[in-house]
Amino acid sequence: MTRRTRRRIYLPYEGPELFSTVISHSVPIEETLSTVIRHVTCVRCGRFGYDFIGIEHIEYGKWTPGKEIERIRVPRVPGQGLYVLQKRVAGFDFFRLGGPGFGVACTERARLAVLEAGLSNIDFFEVGDVVEG
């Protein structure tokens, strides 16, 4: 065993309760409000992707031999990011953002509930807002 050896969990599992989620609701972003650049990724089928501007993200610092790569958390730029309409969220606290390259999003209420429950192996990034409409 070295410090690089991954920790193993042996059966029968005796750790904390595990949870899994299935996200069934998808919400399109409002491109006119969001700070994104849309670009075509396939000229044959017309598939497109986005470059996200102003969302919270991780940047990686310089690698130094024998040390871990520094992870720098860059906060969201005020007024920028992804915007979705409240009526499209339709009461779902977790939803998939529609479109290629997007991930799962949640409301602030859901984020606070996850943190309060002490769930781990989940990371939150501020990427936008749910707006009236």
Protein backbone atom coordinates (compact mmCIF):
# COMPACT_ATOMS: atom_id res chain seq x y z
CA MET A 1 0.00 0.00 0.00
CA THR A 2 1.26 3.45 -0.94
CA ARG A 3 -0.41 6.85 -0.71
CA ARG A 4 -1.39 6.43 -4.37
CA THR A 5 -3.17 3.12 -3.75
CA ARG A 6 -6.93 3.60 -4.03
CA ARG A 7 -8.89 2.78 -0.91
CA ARG A 8 -11.00 -0.35 -1.34
CA ILE A 9 -14.42 -1.11 0.05
CA TYR A 10 -14.90 -4.79 0.76
CA LEU A 11 -18.18 -6.71 0.81
CA PRO A 12 -20.38 -6.94 2.72
CA TYR A 13 -20.63 -3.15 2.62
CA GLU A 14 -21.01 -1.63 6.08
CA GLY A 15 -20.69 2.09 5.33
CA PRO A 16 -23.27 4.87 5.24
CA GLU A 17 -26.44 4.46 3.19
CA LEU A 18 -25.90 4.97 -0.55
CA PHE A 19 -28.23 6.91 -2.85
CA SER A 20 -28.66 7.12 -6.60
CA THR A 21 -30.77 9.52 -8.62
CA VAL A 22 -32.50 9.34 -11.97
CA ILE A 23 -33.15 12.72 -13.54
CA SER A 24 -36.26 12.50 -15.72
CA HIS A 25 -37.11 16.17 -16.30
CA SER A 26 -35.26 18.20 -18.96
CA VAL A 27 -35.35 21.99 -19.24
CA PRO A 28 -34.03 24.03 -22.19
CA ILE A 29 -31.91 27.08 -21.45
CA GLU A 30 -33.09 30.50 -22.58
CA GLU A 31 -30.40 31.31 -25.15
CA THR A 32 -31.42 34.97 -25.36
CA LEU A 33 -30.80 35.46 -21.62
CA SER A 34 -27.86 33.07 -21.16
CA THR A 35 -24.23 33.94 -21.84
CA VAL A 36 -23.37 31.11 -24.21
CA ILE A 37 -21.82 30.80 -27.64
CA ARG A 38 -23.63 28.24 -29.79
CA HIS A 39 -21.56 26.38 -32.37
CA VAL A 40 -22.24 23.52 -34.80
CA THR A 41 -20.41 20.31 -33.88
CA CYS A 42 -21.62 18.18 -36.82
CA VAL A 43 -22.27 19.63 -40.28
CA ARG A 44 -24.08 16.45 -41.41
CA CYS A 45 -26.72 16.19 -38.69
CA GLY A 46 -26.74 19.79 -37.46
CA ARG A 47 -25.86 18.88 -33.87
CA PHE A 48 -24.65 21.85 -31.89
CA GLY A 49 -22.84 22.59 -28.67
CA TYR A 50 -22.17 25.55 -26.43
CA ASP A 51 -19.30 27.39 -24.82
CA PHE A 52 -20.41 28.60 -21.40
CA ILE A 53 -19.39 32.10 -20.35
CA GLY A 54 -19.30 33.34 -16.77
CA ILE A 55 -20.26 30.12 -14.94
CA GLU A 56 -18.44 28.90 -11.84
CA HIS A 57 -15.77 26.37 -12.80
CA ILE A 58 -12.47 24.77 -11.86
CA GLU A 59 -9.17 25.80 -13.41
CA TYR A 60 -6.08 23.73 -12.89
CA GLY A 61 -2.77 25.23 -11.87
CA LYS A 62 0.71 24.19 -12.83
CA TRP A 63 1.77 20.60 -12.21
CA THR A 64 4.72 20.13 -9.90
CA PRO A 65 6.40 16.69 -9.73
CA GLY A 66 5.52 14.90 -6.49
CA LYS A 67 2.63 17.24 -5.68
CA GLU A 68 -1.04 17.35 -6.58
CA ILE A 69 -2.23 19.73 -9.29
CA GLU A 70 -3.69 22.87 -7.74
CA ARG A 71 -7.43 23.22 -8.30
CA ILE A 72 -8.60 26.85 -8.46
CA ARG A 73 -12.33 27.42 -8.10
CA VAL A 74 -13.37 30.42 -10.24
CA PRO A 75 -16.67 31.98 -9.10
CA ARG A 76 -19.58 32.83 -11.38
CA VAL A 77 -19.51 36.27 -12.95
CA PRO A 78 -22.54 38.27 -11.67
CA GLY A 79 -25.23 38.60 -14.34
CA GLN A 80 -23.74 35.87 -16.53
CA GLY A 81 -24.44 32.15 -16.85
CA LEU A 82 -27.34 29.91 -17.81
CA TYR A 83 -30.96 30.95 -17.36
CA VAL A 84 -34.08 28.77 -17.41
CA LEU A 85 -37.73 29.75 -17.06
CA GLN A 86 -39.60 28.93 -13.83
CA LYS A 87 -42.60 27.57 -15.77
CA ARG A 88 -40.34 25.03 -17.53
CA VAL A 89 -38.80 23.86 -14.27
CA ALA A 90 -42.40 23.05 -13.24
CA GLY A 91 -41.68 22.32 -9.57
CA PHE A 92 -38.78 19.90 -10.15
CA ASP A 93 -35.82 20.53 -7.85
CA PHE A 94 -33.44 18.41 -9.93
CA PHE A 95 -33.50 18.58 -13.72
CA ARG A 96 -31.30 18.02 -16.73
CA LEU A 97 -30.41 21.10 -18.72
CA GLY A 98 -31.42 20.41 -22.31
CA GLY A 99 -28.80 20.37 -25.02
CA PRO A 100 -25.50 18.62 -25.59
CA GLY A 101 -22.74 19.24 -23.08
CA PHE A 102 -25.09 20.19 -20.29
CA GLY A 103 -25.34 18.40 -17.00
CA VAL A 104 -27.74 18.08 -14.13
CA ALA A 105 -28.92 21.22 -12.37
CA CYS A 106 -30.84 21.82 -9.18
CA THR A 107 -32.59 24.60 -7.35
CA GLU A 108 -31.11 26.31 -4.31
CA ARG A 109 -33.65 24.45 -2.17
CA ALA A 110 -32.32 21.10 -3.44
CA ARG A 111 -28.69 22.15 -2.90
CA LEU A 112 -29.40 23.11 0.70
CA ALA A 113 -31.28 19.83 1.33
CA VAL A 114 -28.33 17.78 0.02
CA LEU A 115 -25.86 19.72 2.18
CA GLU A 116 -28.11 19.47 5.25
CA ALA A 117 -28.41 15.70 4.77
CA GLY A 118 -24.61 15.45 4.78
CA LEU A 119 -24.47 13.62 1.45
CA SER A 120 -21.01 13.33 -0.07
CA ASN A 121 -19.46 12.74 -3.50
CA ILE A 122 -21.39 15.64 -4.99
CA ASP A 123 -20.07 19.05 -5.97
CA PHE A 124 -22.14 22.17 -6.63
CA PHE A 125 -21.25 24.97 -9.05
CA GLU A 126 -23.23 28.16 -9.47
CA VAL A 127 -24.06 28.27 -13.17
CA GLY A 128 -27.19 30.38 -13.47
CA ASP A 129 -30.67 31.23 -12.30
CA VAL A 130 -34.29 30.18 -12.61
CA VAL A 131 -36.20 33.28 -13.75
CA GLU A 132 -39.89 34.18 -13.98
CA GLY A 133 -41.59 33.48 -17.27
